[in-house]
Amino acid sequence: MRIRWPRRVSAQVLRMQLAITVGVTALATGLFLAPLSHELDDQGMHRALAIAQTVAADPDVAQALVSSRPTPDGPVQAEAERIRLATGASYIVVMDTHGTRWSHTDPGRIGEHVSTDPSVALGGKDIMQIDRGTLGRSARGKVPLRDRSGRIVGAVSVGIAYDSVRGRLLAAVPGLLLYAGAALAVGVAAAVWASRRVQRATRGLAFADISALLDEREAMLHGIREGVVALDPQGRVRLVNDEAQRLLGLDGDAAGRPLHALLPPGRTTDVLAGEAEGSDLLTVSGSRVLIANRMPTEDGGAVVTLRDRTELELLGRELDATHGLLDALRAQDHEHANRLHTVLGLLELELYEEAVDYVAEVADTRRASAEQVADRVQVPLLSALLVGKTAIAAERGVRLRISATTWLPDRVVDPRDPVTVLGNLIDNALDATASEVEVELRVEHTTLVMRVSDDGPGVPPELRERVFTEGWTTKKSPSHRGRGLGLALVRRLAERYGGMARVGARAGGGAVFTVVLPEALAPAEFGADMSAALPGGAR
């Protein structure tokens, strides 16, 4: 018949604890009984020796031994029996130097030779032993018997029945078993309680199930495209999957370390630590836009999930730019229609020369404006951005002006970051209900300085740091993406370059946003930009 062992963790733990409890109790009982038996034997032998020494110390016994004969009614037998009855000894045998008994429990054995060797006691030494004689097994004590002058005239042998010693041992067993049973009951109760705790903690799973769950958890955590960070009640990282390491820029030994030691102070740390409440919280980590959700656990810890929304945010901003471009094209279409109507009117009035002059003037104005931007800003992406933003600003009734001191050669290492920064700054200026926005781009060696100012209401001093915080905005969020990330991205990009982003007040009212990007430009060759520094870009 095949034995089926329990599979649940709690049942296996209970079985193991019961086996340990029973084994420890049995071992403790055995370890207690073994020395107890030896101790009782030793006590019996010492008691027998003490009685023998007491008999041998009586001078009347030695005097009677040398002055009488070994008879059942002799003085030695009478004294020995008196002491035996008084002490409860099994027997007291007094013998002479030849080993002849002068006293015995059985008077018929008086005058016979003793059954065991008395030479040690007759030689003057005390002896204790467990031995078997004519009265059975007993604990014995033998001592020499001396007269008044100290001469050995015989020996005294006293025996304590071994049954009485064993009886004491057996009498102690019930009490010992009672204590052992009580200890076993307490151990079993503790094992059952611990098993139930384990059952609640493991929810009735088997060891194989736990192992499979751990393997599945590892595979799932490191396979999903969302970042997962688990924290303990003290704020230390329990686990972090590969995606979370990538999104947060963590190394492989993050487990066990406090969250504040892994991440710099800021909104991302606050969101992960639970200091910022809410769901689908937006935060910026490096150059990435993340959506974080924090779920507390029963033990006081938490699990935080992170989703990368950088691509979606960029698509949203591109959609905004596309909408703005469509609005600009729509406005230009309306403007072109008006101009075509003007040209048509001039032609119908047969004012041909005036029509030619009008068309040339409009074309030259447009071309001159675009060429002026391209002349001062020689980075194609940035010049195209400025031309497009100029059309969008005109549609909104805002004048977008390029500062006369603007000059940017085509030496920008990665134009995408300056485009992101400048686009966000211009969008914020256009949203500030301003009537004029001025853009200034200048170069200091390899450092790019971008400044965008507007004549709107400005930013109060107490809010000049908060405007760069993720999620902070005074505008209504569009349906396809959140607000409060543009300026946060601007500052993060500036800090990634080792620069800075700040906002101040504009003379006459309004706000001035300044961003400094060190090492944004490649080093110029000697004298390459000297003539280009002239207004208009002349060389």
Protein backbone atom coordinates (compact mmCIF):
# COMPACT_ATOMS: atom_id res chain seq x y z
CA MET A 1 0.00 0.00 0.00
CA ARG A 2 1.49 3.31 -1.08
CA ILE A 3 1.70 6.03 1.56
CA ARG A 4 0.40 9.37 0.33
CA TRP A 5 2.15 12.22 2.09
CA PRO A 6 0.30 15.55 2.43
CA ARG A 7 1.09 18.05 -0.29
CA ARG A 8 0.04 21.31 1.33
CA VAL A 9 2.79 23.33 2.95
CA SER A 10 0.83 23.70 6.19
CA ALA A 11 0.24 19.93 6.45
CA GLN A 12 3.88 19.15 5.78
CA VAL A 13 5.00 21.72 8.33
CA LEU A 14 2.56 20.27 10.89
CA ARG A 15 3.81 16.73 10.25
CA MET A 16 7.42 17.86 10.55
CA GLN A 17 6.77 19.82 13.75
CA LEU A 18 4.85 16.91 15.33
CA ALA A 19 7.70 14.53 14.53
CA ILE A 20 10.22 16.96 16.00
CA THR A 21 8.07 17.53 19.10
CA VAL A 22 7.56 13.80 19.76
CA GLY A 23 11.22 13.05 19.10
CA VAL A 24 12.48 15.82 21.36
CA THR A 25 10.06 14.80 24.15
CA ALA A 26 11.09 11.14 23.94
CA LEU A 27 14.77 12.05 23.85
CA ALA A 28 14.41 14.37 26.82
CA THR A 29 12.54 11.70 28.80
CA GLY A 30 15.19 9.09 28.01
CA LEU A 31 18.01 11.47 28.88
CA PHE A 32 16.30 12.17 32.19
CA LEU A 33 15.60 8.52 33.07
CA ALA A 34 19.12 7.26 32.30
CA PRO A 35 20.93 9.41 34.89
CA LEU A 36 18.01 8.98 37.32
CA SER A 37 18.51 5.21 37.33
CA HIS A 38 22.24 5.63 37.88
CA GLU A 39 21.63 8.16 40.63
CA LEU A 40 19.19 5.85 42.44
CA ASP A 41 21.72 2.99 42.24
CA ASP A 42 24.37 5.25 43.65
CA GLN A 43 22.07 6.41 46.43
CA GLY A 44 21.26 2.76 47.33
CA MET A 45 24.96 1.82 47.48
CA HIS A 46 25.84 4.85 49.60
CA ARG A 47 22.97 4.09 51.93
CA ALA A 48 24.14 0.48 52.32
CA LEU A 49 27.70 1.67 52.95
CA ALA A 50 26.50 4.16 55.57
CA ILE A 51 24.57 1.47 57.44
CA ALA A 52 27.61 -0.86 57.29
CA GLN A 53 29.84 1.91 58.63
CA THR A 54 27.35 2.57 61.42
CA VAL A 55 27.37 -1.12 62.44
CA ALA A 56 31.17 -1.33 62.22
CA ALA A 57 31.52 1.76 64.39
CA ASP A 58 29.67 0.05 67.28
CA PRO A 59 32.47 -1.36 69.58
CA ASP A 60 30.01 -3.81 71.12
CA VAL A 61 29.64 -5.62 67.78
CA ALA A 62 33.41 -6.16 67.45
CA GLN A 63 33.65 -7.21 71.16
CA ALA A 64 30.78 -9.69 70.74
CA LEU A 65 32.37 -11.08 67.59
CA VAL A 66 35.61 -12.04 69.38
CA SER A 67 33.96 -13.14 72.64
CA SER A 68 31.05 -15.28 71.45
CA ARG A 69 30.12 -17.89 68.94
CA PRO A 70 28.12 -17.55 65.68
CA THR A 71 24.69 -18.67 66.83
CA PRO A 72 21.17 -17.51 65.84
CA ASP A 73 20.54 -16.22 69.35
CA GLY A 74 23.95 -14.66 69.83
CA PRO A 75 24.57 -10.95 70.61
CA VAL A 76 25.94 -10.19 67.10
CA GLN A 77 22.78 -11.51 65.43
CA ALA A 78 20.56 -9.62 67.85
CA GLU A 79 22.36 -6.28 67.28
CA ALA A 80 22.47 -6.74 63.52
CA GLU A 81 18.77 -7.52 63.31
CA ARG A 82 17.92 -4.54 65.48
CA ILE A 83 19.79 -2.18 63.17
CA ARG A 84 18.39 -3.89 60.05
CA LEU A 85 14.82 -3.44 61.22
CA ALA A 86 15.54 0.15 62.20
CA THR A 87 17.13 1.12 58.85
CA GLY A 88 15.04 -1.01 56.50
CA ALA A 89 18.05 -2.76 55.04
CA SER A 90 17.56 -6.05 53.19
CA TYR A 91 20.23 -7.76 55.24
CA ILE A 92 23.16 -7.06 57.59
CA VAL A 93 25.85 -9.73 57.62
CA VAL A 94 28.66 -9.61 60.15
CA MET A 95 31.50 -12.01 59.33
CA ASP A 96 34.79 -12.91 60.89
CA THR A 97 38.17 -12.91 59.19
CA HIS A 98 37.43 -16.34 57.72
CA GLY A 99 34.25 -15.18 56.00
CA THR A 100 31.95 -17.01 58.38
CA ARG A 101 28.55 -15.37 58.95
CA TRP A 102 27.69 -14.27 62.50
CA SER A 103 24.44 -12.65 61.47
CA HIS A 104 21.97 -13.02 58.62
CA THR A 105 18.33 -12.38 57.82
CA ASP A 106 17.88 -16.15 57.61
CA PRO A 107 19.17 -17.48 60.97
CA GLY A 108 19.76 -20.89 59.40
CA ARG A 109 22.63 -19.44 57.33
CA ILE A 110 24.56 -18.24 60.40
CA GLY A 111 27.87 -20.09 60.65
CA GLU A 112 28.12 -20.60 56.89
CA HIS A 113 30.66 -18.96 54.60
CA VAL A 114 29.48 -15.85 52.80
CA SER A 115 28.47 -16.21 49.12
CA THR A 116 30.66 -13.37 47.81
CA ASP A 117 34.36 -12.66 48.16
CA PRO A 118 35.01 -10.64 51.39
CA SER A 119 38.76 -10.18 50.80
CA VAL A 120 38.57 -6.47 49.90
CA ALA A 121 36.69 -5.53 53.07
CA LEU A 122 38.84 -7.82 55.18
CA GLY A 123 41.85 -6.14 53.61
CA GLY A 124 40.76 -2.85 55.20
CA LYS A 125 38.93 -1.13 52.30
CA ASP A 126 35.33 -0.01 51.93
CA ILE A 127 33.46 -1.26 48.88
CA MET A 128 30.15 -0.41 47.13
CA GLN A 129 28.61 -2.51 44.41
CA ILE A 130 25.48 -3.88 42.80
CA ASP A 131 25.73 -7.64 43.11
CA ARG A 132 23.65 -10.79 43.39
CA GLY A 133 23.81 -12.98 46.52
CA THR A 134 21.68 -15.55 48.35
CA LEU A 135 18.92 -12.94 48.81
CA GLY A 136 18.95 -11.84 45.18
CA ARG A 137 20.22 -8.66 43.51
CA SER A 138 21.03 -5.84 45.91
CA ALA A 139 22.98 -2.63 46.39
CA ARG A 140 25.79 -3.50 48.74
CA GLY A 141 28.23 -1.80 51.04
CA LYS A 142 31.08 -3.61 52.79
CA VAL A 143 33.45 -2.22 55.44
CA PRO A 144 36.12 -3.77 57.70
CA LEU A 145 35.19 -4.41 61.38
CA ARG A 146 37.87 -3.35 63.84
CA ASP A 147 38.25 -3.83 67.58
CA ARG A 148 39.18 -1.13 70.06
CA SER A 149 42.85 -1.37 69.13
CA GLY A 150 42.13 -0.99 65.42
CA ARG A 151 42.82 -4.56 64.49
CA ILE A 152 40.55 -6.03 61.78
CA VAL A 153 38.48 -8.79 63.34
CA GLY A 154 35.94 -9.18 60.58
CA ALA A 155 33.74 -7.27 58.16
CA VAL A 156 30.19 -5.94 57.86
CA SER A 157 28.16 -6.33 54.68
CA VAL A 158 24.85 -4.49 54.27
CA GLY A 159 22.50 -4.91 51.33
CA ILE A 160 19.59 -2.80 50.09
CA ALA A 161 17.16 -4.82 47.99
CA TYR A 162 17.45 -3.75 44.36
CA ASP A 163 13.74 -4.08 43.98
CA SER A 164 13.31 -1.09 46.28
CA VAL A 165 15.76 0.95 44.19
CA ARG A 166 13.94 -0.03 41.01
CA GLY A 167 10.66 0.71 42.73
CA ARG A 168 11.76 4.27 43.38
CA LEU A 169 12.68 4.60 39.76
CA LEU A 170 9.35 3.20 38.61
CA ALA A 171 7.54 5.43 41.08
CA ALA A 172 9.16 8.49 39.44
CA VAL A 173 8.17 7.40 35.91
CA PRO A 174 4.43 8.36 36.08
CA GLY A 175 5.23 11.87 37.22
CA LEU A 176 7.92 12.18 34.57
CA LEU A 177 5.55 10.90 31.89
CA LEU A 178 2.93 13.37 33.09
CA TYR A 179 5.32 16.27 32.61
CA ALA A 180 6.46 14.83 29.28
CA GLY A 181 2.83 14.49 28.17
CA ALA A 182 2.11 18.07 29.16
CA ALA A 183 5.18 19.27 27.26
CA LEU A 184 4.11 17.16 24.27
CA ALA A 185 0.61 18.62 24.38
CA VAL A 186 1.99 22.15 24.45
CA GLY A 187 4.31 21.29 21.55
CA VAL A 188 1.46 19.80 19.51
CA ALA A 189 -0.73 22.85 20.19
CA ALA A 190 2.11 25.15 19.13
CA ALA A 191 2.66 23.03 16.00
CA VAL A 192 -1.04 23.19 15.09
CA TRP A 193 -1.08 26.98 15.64
CA ALA A 194 2.05 27.44 13.53
CA SER A 195 0.58 25.18 10.84
CA ARG A 196 -2.56 27.29 10.66
CA ARG A 197 -0.50 30.46 10.42
CA VAL A 198 1.47 28.89 7.59
CA GLN A 199 -1.75 27.77 5.92
CA ARG A 200 -3.14 31.31 6.02
CA ALA A 201 0.14 32.74 4.80
CA THR A 202 0.52 30.23 1.95
CA ARG A 203 -3.23 29.98 1.25
CA GLY A 204 -3.16 26.20 1.22
CA LEU A 205 -0.49 25.89 -1.47
CA ALA A 206 1.93 23.01 -1.83
CA PHE A 207 5.69 23.42 -2.09
CA ALA A 208 5.54 22.53 -5.77
CA ASP A 209 2.85 25.18 -6.30
CA ILE A 210 4.96 27.83 -4.55
CA SER A 211 7.98 26.94 -6.66
CA ALA A 212 5.89 27.11 -9.82
CA LEU A 213 4.38 30.45 -8.76
CA LEU A 214 7.84 31.89 -8.12
CA ASP A 215 9.03 30.77 -11.53
CA GLU A 216 5.91 32.18 -13.18
CA ARG A 217 6.27 35.45 -11.26
CA GLU A 218 9.88 35.86 -12.36
CA ALA A 219 8.96 35.14 -15.97
CA MET A 220 5.99 37.51 -15.86
CA LEU A 221 7.80 40.37 -14.11
CA HIS A 222 10.74 40.31 -16.47
CA GLY A 223 8.61 39.67 -19.55
CA ILE A 224 5.97 42.41 -19.31
CA ARG A 225 6.54 45.82 -20.86
CA GLU A 226 5.53 47.69 -17.72
CA GLY A 227 7.94 48.59 -14.96
CA VAL A 228 7.21 47.00 -11.57
CA VAL A 229 8.77 48.13 -8.29
CA ALA A 230 7.82 46.41 -5.00
CA LEU A 231 8.57 48.18 -1.71
CA ASP A 232 8.55 46.88 1.87
CA PRO A 233 6.96 48.79 4.80
CA GLN A 234 10.27 50.59 5.46
CA GLY A 235 10.48 51.92 1.91
CA ARG A 236 13.20 49.52 0.79
CA VAL A 237 13.05 47.96 -2.67
CA ARG A 238 11.93 44.33 -2.57
CA LEU A 239 12.15 43.70 -6.28
CA VAL A 240 12.44 45.65 -9.50
CA ASN A 241 11.98 44.16 -12.95
CA ASP A 242 14.04 44.84 -16.06
CA GLU A 243 11.64 47.41 -17.48
CA ALA A 244 11.60 49.42 -14.24
CA GLN A 245 15.40 49.40 -14.17
CA ARG A 246 15.41 50.79 -17.70
CA LEU A 247 12.76 53.44 -17.07
CA LEU A 248 14.25 54.65 -13.77
CA GLY A 249 17.89 54.17 -14.69
CA LEU A 250 18.57 51.76 -11.80
CA ASP A 251 21.39 49.25 -11.58
CA GLY A 252 21.05 45.54 -10.88
CA ASP A 253 21.65 45.70 -7.10
CA ALA A 254 18.68 47.90 -6.22
CA ALA A 255 16.95 45.20 -4.12
CA GLY A 256 17.22 45.82 -0.39
CA ARG A 257 18.21 49.47 -0.72
CA PRO A 258 16.04 52.44 0.35
CA LEU A 259 14.12 54.18 -2.40
CA HIS A 260 15.54 57.61 -1.50
CA ALA A 261 19.08 56.23 -1.90
CA LEU A 262 18.35 55.07 -5.46
CA LEU A 263 16.46 58.05 -6.89
CA PRO A 264 17.10 61.79 -6.56
CA PRO A 265 14.54 63.96 -4.75
CA GLY A 266 11.63 64.93 -6.95
CA ARG A 267 8.20 63.98 -8.08
CA THR A 268 9.20 60.51 -9.29
CA THR A 269 10.51 59.60 -5.84
CA ASP A 270 7.43 61.13 -4.20
CA VAL A 271 5.10 59.12 -6.44
CA LEU A 272 6.90 55.84 -5.78
CA ALA A 273 7.06 56.50 -2.02
CA GLY A 274 3.32 57.26 -1.86
CA GLU A 275 3.75 60.92 -0.95
CA ALA A 276 1.76 61.93 -4.05
CA GLU A 277 -1.73 60.46 -4.06
CA GLY A 278 -3.90 59.56 -7.01
CA SER A 279 -4.05 57.18 -9.95
CA ASP A 280 -2.30 57.42 -13.33
CA LEU A 281 0.12 60.00 -11.96
CA LEU A 282 2.35 61.64 -14.55
CA THR A 283 6.03 62.00 -13.78
CA VAL A 284 9.26 62.57 -15.68
CA SER A 285 12.32 60.37 -15.15
CA GLY A 286 15.28 61.61 -17.14
CA SER A 287 13.88 62.24 -20.61
CA ARG A 288 11.00 59.79 -20.20
CA VAL A 289 7.39 60.57 -19.39
CA LEU A 290 5.96 57.90 -17.07
CA ILE A 291 2.51 57.04 -15.73
CA ALA A 292 2.69 55.56 -12.22
CA ASN A 293 0.11 53.68 -10.15
CA ARG A 294 0.77 52.64 -6.56
CA MET A 295 -1.08 49.76 -4.87
CA PRO A 296 -0.52 49.17 -1.11
CA THR A 297 -0.01 45.59 0.14
CA GLU A 298 -1.33 43.98 3.32
CA ASP A 299 2.01 44.12 5.14
CA GLY A 300 2.34 47.89 4.74
CA GLY A 301 4.45 47.81 1.59
CA ALA A 302 3.40 48.71 -1.92
CA VAL A 303 3.72 47.72 -5.57
CA VAL A 304 4.22 50.50 -8.14
CA THR A 305 3.64 49.98 -11.85
CA LEU A 306 5.23 52.29 -14.40
CA ARG A 307 4.19 52.80 -18.02
CA ASP A 308 6.36 54.57 -20.56
CA ARG A 309 4.31 57.36 -22.12
CA THR A 310 7.20 59.13 -23.82
CA GLU A 311 6.24 58.03 -27.32
CA LEU A 312 2.57 58.82 -26.71
CA GLU A 313 3.51 62.24 -25.32
CA LEU A 314 5.68 62.96 -28.33
CA LEU A 315 2.88 61.85 -30.64
CA GLY A 316 0.49 64.09 -28.73
CA ARG A 317 2.79 67.05 -29.16
CA GLU A 318 3.22 66.23 -32.83
CA LEU A 319 -0.58 66.11 -33.10
CA ASP A 320 -0.77 69.53 -31.46
CA ALA A 321 1.83 70.81 -33.90
CA THR A 322 -0.11 69.29 -36.80
CA HIS A 323 -3.31 70.94 -35.60
CA GLY A 324 -1.47 74.22 -35.35
CA LEU A 325 -0.04 73.76 -38.82
CA LEU A 326 -3.50 72.97 -40.19
CA ASP A 327 -4.84 76.11 -38.54
CA ALA A 328 -1.98 78.09 -40.05
CA LEU A 329 -2.60 76.57 -43.50
CA ARG A 330 -6.29 77.33 -43.13
CA ALA A 331 -5.51 80.93 -42.27
CA GLN A 332 -3.08 81.17 -45.16
CA ASP A 333 -5.69 79.68 -47.46
CA HIS A 334 -8.13 82.37 -46.34
CA GLU A 335 -5.44 85.02 -46.80
CA HIS A 336 -4.51 83.67 -50.24
CA ALA A 337 -8.16 83.71 -51.22
CA ASN A 338 -8.43 87.37 -50.26
CA ARG A 339 -5.28 88.16 -52.24
CA LEU A 340 -6.50 86.23 -55.24
CA HIS A 341 -9.73 88.23 -55.08
CA THR A 342 -7.65 91.39 -55.06
CA VAL A 343 -5.62 90.23 -58.03
CA LEU A 344 -8.83 89.22 -59.82
CA GLY A 345 -10.30 92.67 -59.19
CA LEU A 346 -7.22 94.40 -60.54
CA LEU A 347 -7.28 92.25 -63.65
CA GLU A 348 -10.99 92.89 -64.25
CA LEU A 349 -10.29 96.60 -63.93
CA GLU A 350 -7.49 96.11 -66.47
CA LEU A 351 -4.95 97.43 -63.98
CA TYR A 352 -2.35 94.96 -65.15
CA GLU A 353 0.74 96.73 -63.93
CA GLU A 354 -0.77 97.24 -60.47
CA ALA A 355 -1.63 93.51 -60.36
CA VAL A 356 1.94 92.53 -61.25
CA ASP A 357 3.36 94.87 -58.60
CA TYR A 358 0.96 93.53 -55.98
CA VAL A 359 1.86 89.87 -56.64
CA ALA A 360 5.58 90.63 -56.60
CA GLU A 361 5.29 92.55 -53.35
CA VAL A 362 3.41 89.72 -51.58
CA ALA A 363 5.86 87.06 -52.84
CA ASP A 364 8.90 89.13 -51.87
CA THR A 365 7.52 89.74 -48.39
CA ARG A 366 6.96 86.03 -47.75
CA ARG A 367 10.30 85.03 -49.22
CA ALA A 368 12.14 87.71 -47.28
CA SER A 369 10.59 86.63 -44.00
CA ALA A 370 11.54 82.95 -44.50
CA GLU A 371 15.02 83.84 -45.78
CA GLN A 372 15.59 86.12 -42.80
CA VAL A 373 14.82 83.25 -40.38
CA ALA A 374 16.99 80.79 -42.34
CA ASP A 375 19.82 83.37 -42.47
CA ARG A 376 19.92 83.84 -38.70
CA VAL A 377 19.06 80.24 -37.72
CA GLN A 378 21.06 77.93 -39.96
CA VAL A 379 19.83 74.72 -38.30
CA PRO A 380 17.07 73.48 -40.67
CA LEU A 381 14.88 71.91 -37.98
CA LEU A 382 14.93 75.02 -35.82
CA SER A 383 14.40 77.46 -38.70
CA ALA A 384 11.48 75.37 -39.99
CA LEU A 385 10.03 75.33 -36.46
CA LEU A 386 10.24 79.12 -36.25
CA VAL A 387 8.63 79.63 -39.66
CA GLY A 388 5.76 77.33 -38.74
CA LYS A 389 5.28 78.90 -35.29
CA THR A 390 5.26 82.34 -36.94
CA ALA A 391 2.30 81.33 -39.11
CA ILE A 392 0.49 79.83 -36.10
CA ALA A 393 1.12 82.99 -34.08
CA ALA A 394 -0.21 85.17 -36.90
CA GLU A 395 -3.41 83.10 -36.97
CA ARG A 396 -3.84 83.76 -33.25
CA GLY A 397 -3.21 87.44 -33.73
CA VAL A 398 0.16 87.30 -32.04
CA ARG A 399 3.37 88.66 -33.53
CA LEU A 400 6.29 86.22 -33.30
CA ARG A 401 9.50 88.22 -33.68
CA ILE A 402 13.07 86.94 -34.04
CA SER A 403 15.49 89.03 -31.98
CA ALA A 404 18.06 91.04 -33.90
CA THR A 405 20.83 89.40 -31.86
CA THR A 406 19.76 85.89 -32.86
CA TRP A 407 22.49 83.84 -34.55
CA LEU A 408 22.76 80.04 -34.59
CA PRO A 409 25.25 78.28 -36.91
CA ASP A 410 24.68 74.77 -38.19
CA ARG A 411 26.84 73.16 -35.51
CA VAL A 412 24.15 71.77 -33.18
CA VAL A 413 25.07 68.22 -32.16
CA ASP A 414 21.49 66.92 -31.76
CA PRO A 415 18.87 69.41 -33.06
CA ARG A 416 15.97 67.36 -31.69
CA ASP A 417 16.52 68.46 -28.09
CA PRO A 418 16.69 72.21 -28.89
CA VAL A 419 13.58 71.77 -31.08
CA THR A 420 11.74 70.20 -28.11
CA VAL A 421 12.85 72.99 -25.78
CA LEU A 422 12.11 75.87 -28.16
CA GLY A 423 8.77 74.41 -29.25
CA ASN A 424 7.59 74.08 -25.64
CA LEU A 425 8.72 77.58 -24.75
CA ILE A 426 6.98 79.15 -27.76
CA ASP A 427 3.78 77.16 -27.10
CA ASN A 428 3.71 78.37 -23.51
CA ALA A 429 4.29 81.97 -24.64
CA LEU A 430 1.49 81.76 -27.21
CA ASP A 431 -0.85 80.30 -24.54
CA ALA A 432 -0.07 83.20 -22.20
CA THR A 433 -2.59 85.48 -24.02
CA ALA A 434 0.27 87.65 -25.22
CA SER A 435 0.23 89.97 -28.23
CA GLU A 436 3.95 89.69 -28.94
CA VAL A 437 6.49 86.89 -28.49
CA GLU A 438 10.21 87.38 -29.03
CA VAL A 439 12.68 84.54 -29.62
CA GLU A 440 16.41 84.90 -29.12
CA LEU A 441 18.98 82.21 -29.94
CA ARG A 442 22.67 82.87 -29.35
CA VAL A 443 25.86 80.90 -29.03
CA GLU A 444 28.60 81.19 -26.42
CA HIS A 445 31.43 78.91 -27.61
CA THR A 446 29.70 75.49 -27.51
CA THR A 447 26.80 76.60 -25.30
CA LEU A 448 23.37 77.33 -26.75
CA VAL A 449 21.26 79.95 -24.96
CA MET A 450 17.56 80.12 -25.84
CA ARG A 451 15.36 82.90 -24.56
CA VAL A 452 11.63 83.31 -25.22
CA SER A 453 9.79 86.32 -23.82
CA ASP A 454 6.18 87.45 -24.03
CA ASP A 455 4.12 90.44 -22.93
CA GLY A 456 1.51 88.34 -21.12
CA PRO A 457 0.61 88.42 -17.40
CA GLY A 458 3.97 86.90 -16.38
CA VAL A 459 4.74 84.33 -13.67
CA PRO A 460 4.50 85.38 -9.98
CA PRO A 461 7.79 84.91 -8.05
CA GLU A 462 6.26 82.29 -5.74
CA LEU A 463 5.35 80.09 -8.75
CA ARG A 464 8.59 80.37 -10.74
CA GLU A 465 9.86 77.03 -9.49
CA ARG A 466 6.53 75.21 -9.51
CA VAL A 467 5.98 75.86 -13.23
CA PHE A 468 8.78 73.35 -13.92
CA THR A 469 7.14 70.64 -11.79
CA GLU A 470 5.58 67.64 -13.54
CA GLY A 471 1.80 67.79 -13.60
CA TRP A 472 1.52 71.46 -12.54
CA THR A 473 -0.46 73.59 -14.96
CA THR A 474 -3.10 76.27 -15.08
CA LYS A 475 -4.42 75.12 -18.46
CA LYS A 476 -7.13 72.65 -19.36
CA SER A 477 -5.72 69.32 -20.55
CA PRO A 478 -6.51 68.22 -24.12
CA SER A 479 -8.25 64.89 -24.55
CA HIS A 480 -5.29 63.04 -26.06
CA ARG A 481 -2.66 63.83 -23.42
CA GLY A 482 -1.99 65.46 -20.08
CA ARG A 483 -0.77 68.92 -19.27
CA GLY A 484 2.03 70.10 -17.03
CA LEU A 485 4.82 68.18 -18.76
CA GLY A 486 6.25 70.63 -21.30
CA LEU A 487 8.26 72.81 -18.94
CA ALA A 488 9.21 69.77 -16.85
CA LEU A 489 10.72 68.19 -19.97
CA VAL A 490 12.48 71.45 -20.75
CA ARG A 491 14.17 71.51 -17.34
CA ARG A 492 15.07 67.81 -17.49
CA LEU A 493 16.66 68.26 -20.92
CA ALA A 494 18.59 71.28 -19.69
CA GLU A 495 19.81 69.40 -16.62
CA ARG A 496 20.82 66.44 -18.77
CA TYR A 497 23.11 68.79 -20.70
CA GLY A 498 24.41 70.17 -17.41
CA GLY A 499 22.59 73.45 -17.96
CA MET A 500 19.56 75.09 -16.44
CA ALA A 501 16.08 76.46 -17.14
CA ARG A 502 14.60 79.44 -15.34
CA VAL A 503 11.84 82.02 -15.67
CA GLY A 504 12.00 85.69 -14.83
CA ALA A 505 10.12 88.92 -15.40
CA ARG A 506 10.21 90.90 -18.68
CA ALA A 507 10.76 94.62 -18.63
CA GLY A 508 7.39 96.25 -19.14
CA GLY A 509 5.48 93.16 -18.04
CA GLY A 510 5.43 89.52 -19.08
CA ALA A 511 7.69 86.53 -18.65
CA VAL A 512 11.15 85.57 -19.91
CA PHE A 513 12.07 81.87 -20.12
CA THR A 514 15.80 81.19 -20.45
CA VAL A 515 17.34 77.78 -21.15
CA VAL A 516 21.08 77.14 -21.26
CA LEU A 517 22.38 73.98 -22.97
CA PRO A 518 26.15 73.57 -22.51
CA GLU A 519 28.03 71.49 -25.08
CA ALA A 520 25.01 71.57 -27.39
CA LEU A 521 27.20 72.73 -30.30
CA ALA A 522 30.27 71.17 -31.83
CA PRO A 523 33.49 73.25 -31.48
CA ALA A 524 33.92 75.75 -34.33
CA GLU A 525 37.00 75.82 -36.54
CA PHE A 526 39.28 78.80 -36.07
CA GLY A 527 37.68 81.90 -37.58
CA ALA A 528 34.79 79.96 -39.08
CA ASP A 529 32.11 82.03 -37.36
CA MET A 530 33.81 85.42 -37.08
CA SER A 531 32.21 86.98 -40.15
CA ALA A 532 28.96 85.13 -39.50
CA ALA A 533 28.49 87.01 -36.26
CA LEU A 534 27.48 90.10 -38.21
CA PRO A 535 23.76 90.99 -38.32
CA GLY A 536 21.99 89.14 -41.09
CA GLY A 537 24.59 86.42 -41.16
CA ALA A 538 26.86 88.22 -43.71
CA ARG A 539 30.29 86.63 -44.19
